[in-house]
Amino acid sequence: MNPTPEKSYGLTLDRREKAVLTGVTDVERFDENEVVLHTHGGRLILSGTGLHVSSLQLEEGRLLVDGAIDSLVYDGGAGKRRGSFLRRALG
């Protein structure tokens, strides 16, 4: 039996002012200080000031957030390691 391939997801951060996310399955909530969303890799929380969801295309799994982005916290879900997105990316 072949394992099911993991679905793709990603994040591009441009000068801490613009985040482009792919593999987005749902946006839980957002306001000017926080965006909480779900990707194929789990729950992701973007924090900052003046945050604005400028584009959301759930059919394509794509989200664009503008504003002063201060932190990205990635929660990979049950049974996976928790920590900051950068720690997971570099770890």
PDB file of N, CA and C in Angstrom:
ATOM      1  N   MET A   1       0.838  -1.168   0.000  1.00  0.00           N
ATOM      2  CA  MET A   1       0.000   0.000   0.000  1.00  0.00           C
ATOM      3  C   MET A   1       0.894   1.247   0.000  1.00  0.00           C
ATOM      4  N   ASN A   2       0.683   2.154  -0.948  1.00  0.00           N
ATOM      5  CA  ASN A   2       1.468   3.379  -1.045  1.00  0.00           C
ATOM      6  C   ASN A   2       0.904   4.442  -0.118  1.00  0.00           C
ATOM      7  N   PRO A   3       1.796   5.148   0.600  1.00  0.00           N
ATOM      8  CA  PRO A   3       1.299   6.217   1.467  1.00  0.00           C
ATOM      9  C   PRO A   3       0.760   7.377   0.620  1.00  0.00           C
ATOM     10  N   THR A   4      -0.214   8.089   1.176  1.00  0.00           N
ATOM     11  CA  THR A   4      -0.782   9.243   0.493  1.00  0.00           C
ATOM     12  C   THR A   4       0.227  10.384   0.533  1.00  0.00           C
ATOM     13  N   PRO A   5       0.514  10.994  -0.627  1.00  0.00           N
ATOM     14  CA  PRO A   5       1.478  12.095  -0.606  1.00  0.00           C
ATOM     15  C   PRO A   5       0.931  13.300   0.168  1.00  0.00           C
ATOM     16  N   GLU A   6       1.847  13.968   0.878  1.00  0.00           N
ATOM     17  CA  GLU A   6       1.458  15.145   1.644  1.00  0.00           C
ATOM     18  C   GLU A   6       1.125  16.292   0.694  1.00  0.00           C
ATOM     19  N   LYS A   7       0.044  17.010   0.991  1.00  0.00           N
ATOM     20  CA  LYS A   7      -0.344  18.138   0.154  1.00  0.00           C
ATOM     21  C   LYS A   7       0.599  19.306   0.396  1.00  0.00           C
ATOM     22  N   SER A   8       0.848  20.058  -0.647  1.00  0.00           N
ATOM     23  CA  SER A   8       1.796  21.157  -0.612  1.00  0.00           C
ATOM     24  C   SER A   8       1.235  22.385   0.104  1.00  0.00           C
ATOM     25  N   TYR A   9       2.104  23.095   0.812  1.00  0.00           N
ATOM     26  CA  TYR A   9       1.764  24.365   1.429  1.00  0.00           C
ATOM     27  C   TYR A   9       3.049  25.174   1.556  1.00  0.00           C
ATOM     28  N   GLY A  10       2.915  26.497   1.591  1.00  0.00           N
ATOM     29  CA  GLY A  10       4.115  27.317   1.671  1.00  0.00           C
ATOM     30  C   GLY A  10       3.828  28.737   2.112  1.00  0.00           C
ATOM     31  N   LEU A  11       4.916  29.455   2.363  1.00  0.00           N
ATOM     32  CA  LEU A  11       4.835  30.829   2.828  1.00  0.00           C
ATOM     33  C   LEU A  11       5.988  31.610   2.230  1.00  0.00           C
ATOM     34  N   THR A  12       5.675  32.765   1.661  1.00  0.00           N
ATOM     35  CA  THR A  12       6.684  33.700   1.199  1.00  0.00           C
ATOM     36  C   THR A  12       6.454  35.003   1.947  1.00  0.00           C
ATOM     37  N   LEU A  13       7.502  35.501   2.616  1.00  0.00           N
ATOM     38  CA  LEU A  13       7.409  36.733   3.386  1.00  0.00           C
ATOM     39  C   LEU A  13       8.322  37.767   2.745  1.00  0.00           C
ATOM     40  N   ASP A  14       7.754  38.897   2.366  1.00  0.00           N
ATOM     41  CA  ASP A  14       8.495  39.958   1.695  1.00  0.00           C
ATOM     42  C   ASP A  14       8.645  41.155   2.627  1.00  0.00           C
ATOM     43  N   ARG A  15       9.869  41.387   3.127  1.00  0.00           N
ATOM     44  CA  ARG A  15      10.214  42.522   3.987  1.00  0.00           C
ATOM     45  C   ARG A  15       9.293  42.690   5.185  1.00  0.00           C
ATOM     46  N   ARG A  16       8.752  41.606   5.678  1.00  0.00           N
ATOM     47  CA  ARG A  16       7.837  41.622   6.830  1.00  0.00           C
ATOM     48  C   ARG A  16       6.624  42.512   6.600  1.00  0.00           C
ATOM     49  N   GLU A  17       6.306  42.790   5.328  1.00  0.00           N
ATOM     50  CA  GLU A  17       5.174  43.641   4.985  1.00  0.00           C
ATOM     51  C   GLU A  17       4.115  42.918   4.162  1.00  0.00           C
ATOM     52  N   LYS A  18       4.469  41.771   3.605  1.00  0.00           N
ATOM     53  CA  LYS A  18       3.552  41.057   2.731  1.00  0.00           C
ATOM     54  C   LYS A  18       3.830  39.555   2.858  1.00  0.00           C
ATOM     55  N   ALA A  19       2.785  38.796   3.124  1.00  0.00           N
ATOM     56  CA  ALA A  19       2.911  37.348   3.217  1.00  0.00           C
ATOM     57  C   ALA A  19       1.986  36.709   2.180  1.00  0.00           C
ATOM     58  N   VAL A  20       2.544  35.794   1.403  1.00  0.00           N
ATOM     59  CA  VAL A  20       1.770  35.024   0.446  1.00  0.00           C
ATOM     60  C   VAL A  20       1.797  33.584   0.934  1.00  0.00           C
ATOM     61  N   LEU A  21       0.612  33.028   1.194  1.00  0.00           N
ATOM     62  CA  LEU A  21       0.514  31.673   1.719  1.00  0.00           C
ATOM     63  C   LEU A  21      -0.215  30.788   0.722  1.00  0.00           C
ATOM     64  N   THR A  22       0.255  29.565   0.583  1.00  0.00           N
ATOM     65  CA  THR A  22      -0.402  28.585  -0.282  1.00  0.00           C
ATOM     66  C   THR A  22      -0.750  27.356   0.541  1.00  0.00           C
ATOM     67  N   GLY A  23      -1.674  26.569   0.050  1.00  0.00           N
ATOM     68  CA  GLY A  23      -2.129  25.394   0.781  1.00  0.00           C
ATOM     69  C   GLY A  23      -3.100  25.742   1.885  1.00  0.00           C
ATOM     70  N   VAL A  24      -3.707  26.939   1.799  1.00  0.00           N
ATOM     71  CA  VAL A  24      -4.656  27.399   2.824  1.00  0.00           C
ATOM     72  C   VAL A  24      -5.988  26.673   2.637  1.00  0.00           C
ATOM     73  N   THR A  25      -6.504  26.112   3.726  1.00  0.00           N
ATOM     74  CA  THR A  25      -7.783  25.402   3.664  1.00  0.00           C
ATOM     75  C   THR A  25      -8.915  26.170   4.334  1.00  0.00           C
ATOM     76  N   ASP A  26      -8.568  27.087   5.275  1.00  0.00           N
ATOM     77  CA  ASP A  26      -9.599  27.840   5.981  1.00  0.00           C
ATOM     78  C   ASP A  26      -8.952  29.019   6.690  1.00  0.00           C
ATOM     79  N   VAL A  27      -9.702  30.109   6.828  1.00  0.00           N
ATOM     80  CA  VAL A  27      -9.281  31.234   7.655  1.00  0.00           C
ATOM     81  C   VAL A  27     -10.201  31.232   8.862  1.00  0.00           C
ATOM     82  N   GLU A  28      -9.630  30.981  10.026  1.00  0.00           N
ATOM     83  CA  GLU A  28     -10.403  30.891  11.268  1.00  0.00           C
ATOM     84  C   GLU A  28     -10.906  32.262  11.705  1.00  0.00           C
ATOM     85  N   ARG A  29     -10.002  33.250  11.708  1.00  0.00           N
ATOM     86  CA  ARG A  29     -10.379  34.610  12.074  1.00  0.00           C
ATOM     87  C   ARG A  29      -9.240  35.554  11.708  1.00  0.00           C
ATOM     88  N   PHE A  30      -9.588  36.838  11.622  1.00  0.00           N
ATOM     89  CA  PHE A  30      -8.551  37.837  11.388  1.00  0.00           C
ATOM     90  C   PHE A  30      -9.023  39.198  11.860  1.00  0.00           C
ATOM     91  N   ASP A  31      -8.062  40.010  12.280  1.00  0.00           N
ATOM     92  CA  ASP A  31      -8.284  41.412  12.598  1.00  0.00           C
ATOM     93  C   ASP A  31      -6.978  42.135  12.307  1.00  0.00           C
ATOM     94  N   GLU A  32      -6.855  43.386  12.694  1.00  0.00           N
ATOM     95  CA  GLU A  32      -5.671  44.154  12.334  1.00  0.00           C
ATOM     96  C   GLU A  32      -4.408  43.720  13.066  1.00  0.00           C
ATOM     97  N   ASN A  33      -4.542  42.851  14.086  1.00  0.00           N
ATOM     98  CA  ASN A  33      -3.382  42.396  14.855  1.00  0.00           C
ATOM     99  C   ASN A  33      -3.058  40.914  14.702  1.00  0.00           C
ATOM    100  N   GLU A  34      -3.976  40.131  14.123  1.00  0.00           N
ATOM    101  CA  GLU A  34      -3.748  38.686  14.055  1.00  0.00           C
ATOM    102  C   GLU A  34      -4.579  38.047  12.958  1.00  0.00           C
ATOM    103  N   VAL A  35      -3.950  37.105  12.255  1.00  0.00           N
ATOM    104  CA  VAL A  35      -4.649  36.289  11.269  1.00  0.00           C
ATOM    105  C   VAL A  35      -4.407  34.834  11.655  1.00  0.00           C
ATOM    106  N   VAL A  36      -5.483  34.087  11.866  1.00  0.00           N
ATOM    107  CA  VAL A  36      -5.388  32.680  12.242  1.00  0.00           C
ATOM    108  C   VAL A  36      -5.971  31.869  11.087  1.00  0.00           C
ATOM    109  N   LEU A  37      -5.160  30.975  10.531  1.00  0.00           N
ATOM    110  CA  LEU A  37      -5.606  30.209   9.374  1.00  0.00           C
ATOM    111  C   LEU A  37      -5.139  28.770   9.472  1.00  0.00           C
ATOM    112  N   HIS A  38      -5.707  27.941   8.612  1.00  0.00           N
ATOM    113  CA  HIS A  38      -5.347  26.531   8.550  1.00  0.00           C
ATOM    114  C   HIS A  38      -4.785  26.239   7.170  1.00  0.00           C
ATOM    115  N   THR A  39      -3.699  25.471   7.154  1.00  0.00           N
ATOM    116  CA  THR A  39      -3.093  25.036   5.906  1.00  0.00           C
ATOM    117  C   THR A  39      -3.064  23.511   5.903  1.00  0.00           C
ATOM    118  N   HIS A  40      -2.582  22.943   4.815  1.00  0.00           N
ATOM    119  CA  HIS A  40      -2.435  21.483   4.767  1.00  0.00           C
ATOM    120  C   HIS A  40      -1.437  21.004   5.820  1.00  0.00           C
ATOM    121  N   GLY A  41      -0.608  21.907   6.331  1.00  0.00           N
ATOM    122  CA  GLY A  41       0.374  21.551   7.354  1.00  0.00           C
ATOM    123  C   GLY A  41      -0.049  21.867   8.762  1.00  0.00           C
ATOM    124  N   GLY A  42      -1.237  22.416   8.945  1.00  0.00           N
ATOM    125  CA  GLY A  42      -1.703  22.737  10.288  1.00  0.00           C
ATOM    126  C   GLY A  42      -2.105  24.192  10.423  1.00  0.00           C
ATOM    127  N   ARG A  43      -2.197  24.610  11.666  1.00  0.00           N
ATOM    128  CA  ARG A  43      -2.679  25.951  12.010  1.00  0.00           C
ATOM    129  C   ARG A  43      -1.503  26.930  12.043  1.00  0.00           C
ATOM    130  N   LEU A  44      -1.713  28.122  11.468  1.00  0.00           N
ATOM    131  CA  LEU A  44      -0.682  29.143  11.411  1.00  0.00           C
ATOM    132  C   LEU A  44      -1.261  30.455  11.922  1.00  0.00           C
ATOM    133  N   ILE A  45      -0.517  31.144  12.790  1.00  0.00           N
ATOM    134  CA  ILE A  45      -0.954  32.413  13.359  1.00  0.00           C
ATOM    135  C   ILE A  45       0.048  33.487  12.963  1.00  0.00           C
ATOM    136  N   LEU A  46      -0.427  34.501  12.247  1.00  0.00           N
ATOM    137  CA  LEU A  46       0.380  35.658  11.890  1.00  0.00           C
ATOM    138  C   LEU A  46      -0.010  36.785  12.822  1.00  0.00           C
ATOM    139  N   SER A  47       0.971  37.442  13.439  1.00  0.00           N
ATOM    140  CA  SER A  47       0.706  38.555  14.339  1.00  0.00           C
ATOM    141  C   SER A  47       1.452  39.790  13.872  1.00  0.00           C
ATOM    142  N   GLY A  48       0.872  40.957  14.151  1.00  0.00           N
ATOM    143  CA  GLY A  48       1.516  42.203  13.780  1.00  0.00           C
ATOM    144  C   GLY A  48       0.583  43.371  13.998  1.00  0.00           C
ATOM    145  N   THR A  49       0.775  44.427  13.209  1.00  0.00           N
ATOM    146  CA  THR A  49      -0.082  45.602  13.301  1.00  0.00           C
ATOM    147  C   THR A  49      -0.520  46.008  11.902  1.00  0.00           C
ATOM    148  N   GLY A  50      -1.719  46.512  11.820  1.00  0.00           N
ATOM    149  CA  GLY A  50      -2.250  46.958  10.543  1.00  0.00           C
ATOM    150  C   GLY A  50      -2.409  45.836   9.530  1.00  0.00           C
ATOM    151  N   LEU A  51      -2.665  44.611   9.994  1.00  0.00           N
ATOM    152  CA  LEU A  51      -2.791  43.465   9.092  1.00  0.00           C
ATOM    153  C   LEU A  51      -4.096  43.553   8.307  1.00  0.00           C
ATOM    154  N   HIS A  52      -4.004  43.179   7.055  1.00  0.00           N
ATOM    155  CA  HIS A  52      -5.148  43.251   6.155  1.00  0.00           C
ATOM    156  C   HIS A  52      -5.087  42.065   5.197  1.00  0.00           C
ATOM    157  N   VAL A  53      -6.165  41.297   5.129  1.00  0.00           N
ATOM    158  CA  VAL A  53      -6.253  40.207   4.149  1.00  0.00           C
ATOM    159  C   VAL A  53      -6.647  40.852   2.828  1.00  0.00           C
ATOM    160  N   SER A  54      -5.674  40.974   1.926  1.00  0.00           N
ATOM    161  CA  SER A  54      -5.945  41.669   0.670  1.00  0.00           C
ATOM    162  C   SER A  54      -6.448  40.735  -0.419  1.00  0.00           C
ATOM    163  N   SER A  55      -6.224  39.433  -0.263  1.00  0.00           N
ATOM    164  CA  SER A  55      -6.739  38.476  -1.241  1.00  0.00           C
ATOM    165  C   SER A  55      -6.896  37.112  -0.581  1.00  0.00           C
ATOM    166  N   LEU A  56      -8.033  36.494  -0.806  1.00  0.00           N
ATOM    167  CA  LEU A  56      -8.302  35.148  -0.305  1.00  0.00           C
ATOM    168  C   LEU A  56      -8.957  34.359  -1.428  1.00  0.00           C
ATOM    169  N   GLN A  57      -8.296  33.295  -1.849  1.00  0.00           N
ATOM    170  CA  GLN A  57      -8.808  32.420  -2.901  1.00  0.00           C
ATOM    171  C   GLN A  57      -8.775  30.990  -2.368  1.00  0.00           C
ATOM    172  N   LEU A  58      -9.808  30.634  -1.607  1.00  0.00           N
ATOM    173  CA  LEU A  58      -9.826  29.307  -0.984  1.00  0.00           C
ATOM    174  C   LEU A  58      -9.856  28.180  -2.007  1.00  0.00           C
ATOM    175  N   GLU A  59     -10.482  28.416  -3.161  1.00  0.00           N
ATOM    176  CA  GLU A  59     -10.512  27.373  -4.195  1.00  0.00           C
ATOM    177  C   GLU A  59      -9.101  27.001  -4.628  1.00  0.00           C
ATOM    178  N   GLU A  60      -8.203  28.000  -4.635  1.00  0.00           N
ATOM    179  CA  GLU A  60      -6.805  27.781  -5.009  1.00  0.00           C
ATOM    180  C   GLU A  60      -5.916  27.596  -3.789  1.00  0.00           C
ATOM    181  N   GLY A  61      -6.462  27.819  -2.594  1.00  0.00           N
ATOM    182  CA  GLY A  61      -5.686  27.675  -1.366  1.00  0.00           C
ATOM    183  C   GLY A  61      -4.661  28.781  -1.186  1.00  0.00           C
ATOM    184  N   ARG A  62      -4.971  29.991  -1.639  1.00  0.00           N
ATOM    185  CA  ARG A  62      -4.009  31.098  -1.634  1.00  0.00           C
ATOM    186  C   ARG A  62      -4.544  32.276  -0.808  1.00  0.00           C
ATOM    187  N   LEU A  63      -3.649  32.862   0.011  1.00  0.00           N
ATOM    188  CA  LEU A  63      -3.995  33.989   0.874  1.00  0.00           C
ATOM    189  C   LEU A  63      -2.870  35.015   0.814  1.00  0.00           C
ATOM    190  N   LEU A  64      -3.235  36.294   0.728  1.00  0.00           N
ATOM    191  CA  LEU A  64      -2.270  37.386   0.736  1.00  0.00           C
ATOM    192  C   LEU A  64      -2.590  38.307   1.905  1.00  0.00           C
ATOM    193  N   VAL A  65      -1.604  38.552   2.770  1.00  0.00           N
ATOM    194  CA  VAL A  65      -1.770  39.409   3.937  1.00  0.00           C
ATOM    195  C   VAL A  65      -0.753  40.548   3.840  1.00  0.00           C
ATOM    196  N   ASP A  66      -1.229  41.789   4.015  1.00  0.00           N
ATOM    197  CA  ASP A  66      -0.370  42.969   4.040  1.00  0.00           C
ATOM    198  C   ASP A  66      -0.379  43.560   5.439  1.00  0.00           C
ATOM    199  N   GLY A  67       0.689  44.264   5.811  1.00  0.00           N
ATOM    200  CA  GLY A  67       0.782  44.934   7.094  1.00  0.00           C
ATOM    201  C   GLY A  67       2.155  44.732   7.697  1.00  0.00           C
ATOM    202  N   ALA A  68       2.336  45.175   8.919  1.00  0.00           N
ATOM    203  CA  ALA A  68       3.602  44.996   9.627  1.00  0.00           C
ATOM    204  C   ALA A  68       3.560  43.650  10.352  1.00  0.00           C
ATOM    205  N   ILE A  69       4.190  42.642   9.779  1.00  0.00           N
ATOM    206  CA  ILE A  69       4.153  41.277  10.319  1.00  0.00           C
ATOM    207  C   ILE A  69       5.294  41.109  11.310  1.00  0.00           C
ATOM    208  N   ASP A  70       4.941  40.825  12.565  1.00  0.00           N
ATOM    209  CA  ASP A  70       5.931  40.700  13.632  1.00  0.00           C
ATOM    210  C   ASP A  70       6.283  39.255  13.954  1.00  0.00           C
ATOM    211  N   SER A  71       5.307  38.337  13.809  1.00  0.00           N
ATOM    212  CA  SER A  71       5.611  36.945  14.146  1.00  0.00           C
ATOM    213  C   SER A  71       4.725  35.989  13.356  1.00  0.00           C
ATOM    214  N   LEU A  72       5.268  34.784  13.202  1.00  0.00           N
ATOM    215  CA  LEU A  72       4.557  33.675  12.571  1.00  0.00           C
ATOM    216  C   LEU A  72       4.713  32.484  13.496  1.00  0.00           C
ATOM    217  N   VAL A  73       3.611  31.979  13.986  1.00  0.00           N
ATOM    218  CA  VAL A  73       3.657  30.813  14.873  1.00  0.00           C
ATOM    219  C   VAL A  73       2.898  29.700  14.197  1.00  0.00           C
ATOM    220  N   TYR A  74       3.584  28.574  14.000  1.00  0.00           N
ATOM    221  CA  TYR A  74       3.022  27.445  13.296  1.00  0.00           C
ATOM    222  C   TYR A  74       2.747  26.315  14.272  1.00  0.00           C
ATOM    223  N   ASP A  75       1.519  25.824  14.240  1.00  0.00           N
ATOM    224  CA  ASP A  75       1.125  24.694  15.078  1.00  0.00           C
ATOM    225  C   ASP A  75       0.808  23.564  14.115  1.00  0.00           C
ATOM    226  N   GLY A  76       1.697  22.598  14.027  1.00  0.00           N
ATOM    227  CA  GLY A  76       1.555  21.525  13.050  1.00  0.00           C
ATOM    228  C   GLY A  76       0.445  20.540  13.346  1.00  0.00           C
ATOM    229  N   GLY A  77      -0.183  20.628  14.501  1.00  0.00           N
ATOM    230  CA  GLY A  77      -1.282  19.728  14.813  1.00  0.00           C
ATOM    231  C   GLY A  77      -0.873  18.652  15.796  1.00  0.00           C
ATOM    232  N   ALA A  78      -1.831  17.804  16.125  1.00  0.00           N
ATOM    233  CA  ALA A  78      -1.616  16.748  17.117  1.00  0.00           C
ATOM    234  C   ALA A  78      -0.499  15.824  16.684  1.00  0.00           C
ATOM    235  N   GLY A  79       0.395  15.548  17.611  1.00  0.00           N
ATOM    236  CA  GLY A  79       1.477  14.616  17.357  1.00  0.00           C
ATOM    237  C   GLY A  79       2.666  15.231  16.646  1.00  0.00           C
ATOM    238  N   LYS A  80       2.592  16.475  16.270  1.00  0.00           N
ATOM    239  CA  LYS A  80       3.712  17.118  15.608  1.00  0.00           C
ATOM    240  C   LYS A  80       4.337  18.125  16.557  1.00  0.00           C
ATOM    241  N   ARG A  81       5.585  18.440  16.282  1.00  0.00           N
ATOM    242  CA  ARG A  81       6.319  19.402  17.088  1.00  0.00           C
ATOM    243  C   ARG A  81       5.700  20.789  16.974  1.00  0.00           C
ATOM    244  N   ARG A  82       5.670  21.513  18.048  1.00  0.00           N
ATOM    245  CA  ARG A  82       5.157  22.872  18.047  1.00  0.00           C
ATOM    246  C   ARG A  82       6.319  23.831  18.203  1.00  0.00           C
ATOM    247  N   GLY A  83       6.131  25.042  17.712  1.00  0.00           N
ATOM    248  CA  GLY A  83       7.165  26.065  17.848  1.00  0.00           C
ATOM    249  C   GLY A  83       6.998  27.101  16.773  1.00  0.00           C
ATOM    250  N   SER A  84       7.937  28.013  16.731  1.00  0.00           N
ATOM    251  CA  SER A  84       7.846  29.068  15.741  1.00  0.00           C
ATOM    252  C   SER A  84       8.057  28.502  14.348  1.00  0.00           C
ATOM    253  N   PHE A  85       7.496  29.192  13.367  1.00  0.00           N
ATOM    254  CA  PHE A  85       7.632  28.767  11.983  1.00  0.00           C
ATOM    255  C   PHE A  85       9.103  28.713  11.586  1.00  0.00           C
ATOM    256  N   LEU A  86       9.872  29.734  11.952  1.00  0.00           N
ATOM    257  CA  LEU A  86      11.286  29.761  11.584  1.00  0.00           C
ATOM    258  C   LEU A  86      12.060  28.620  12.230  1.00  0.00           C
ATOM    259  N   ARG A  87      11.759  28.303  13.475  1.00  0.00           N
ATOM    260  CA  ARG A  87      12.444  27.195  14.129  1.00  0.00           C
ATOM    261  C   ARG A  87      12.151  25.893  13.392  1.00  0.00           C
ATOM    262  N   ARG A  88      10.894  25.702  12.960  1.00  0.00           N
ATOM    263  CA  ARG A  88      10.548  24.493  12.221  1.00  0.00           C
ATOM    264  C   ARG A  88      11.211  24.480  10.849  1.00  0.00           C
ATOM    265  N   ALA A  89      11.281  25.654  10.200  1.00  0.00           N
ATOM    266  CA  ALA A  89      11.888  25.734   8.875  1.00  0.00           C
ATOM    267  C   ALA A  89      13.391  25.478   8.931  1.00  0.00           C
ATOM    268  N   LEU A  90      14.037  25.957   9.975  1.00  0.00           N
ATOM    269  CA  LEU A  90      15.488  25.814  10.093  1.00  0.00           C
ATOM    270  C   LEU A  90      15.882  24.542  10.828  1.00  0.00           C
ATOM    271  N   GLY A  91      14.931  23.952  11.560  1.00  0.00           N
ATOM    272  CA  GLY A  91      15.238  22.830  12.425  1.00  0.00           C
ATOM    273  C   GLY A  91      15.270  21.553  11.726  1.00  0.00           C
TER     274      GLY A  91
END
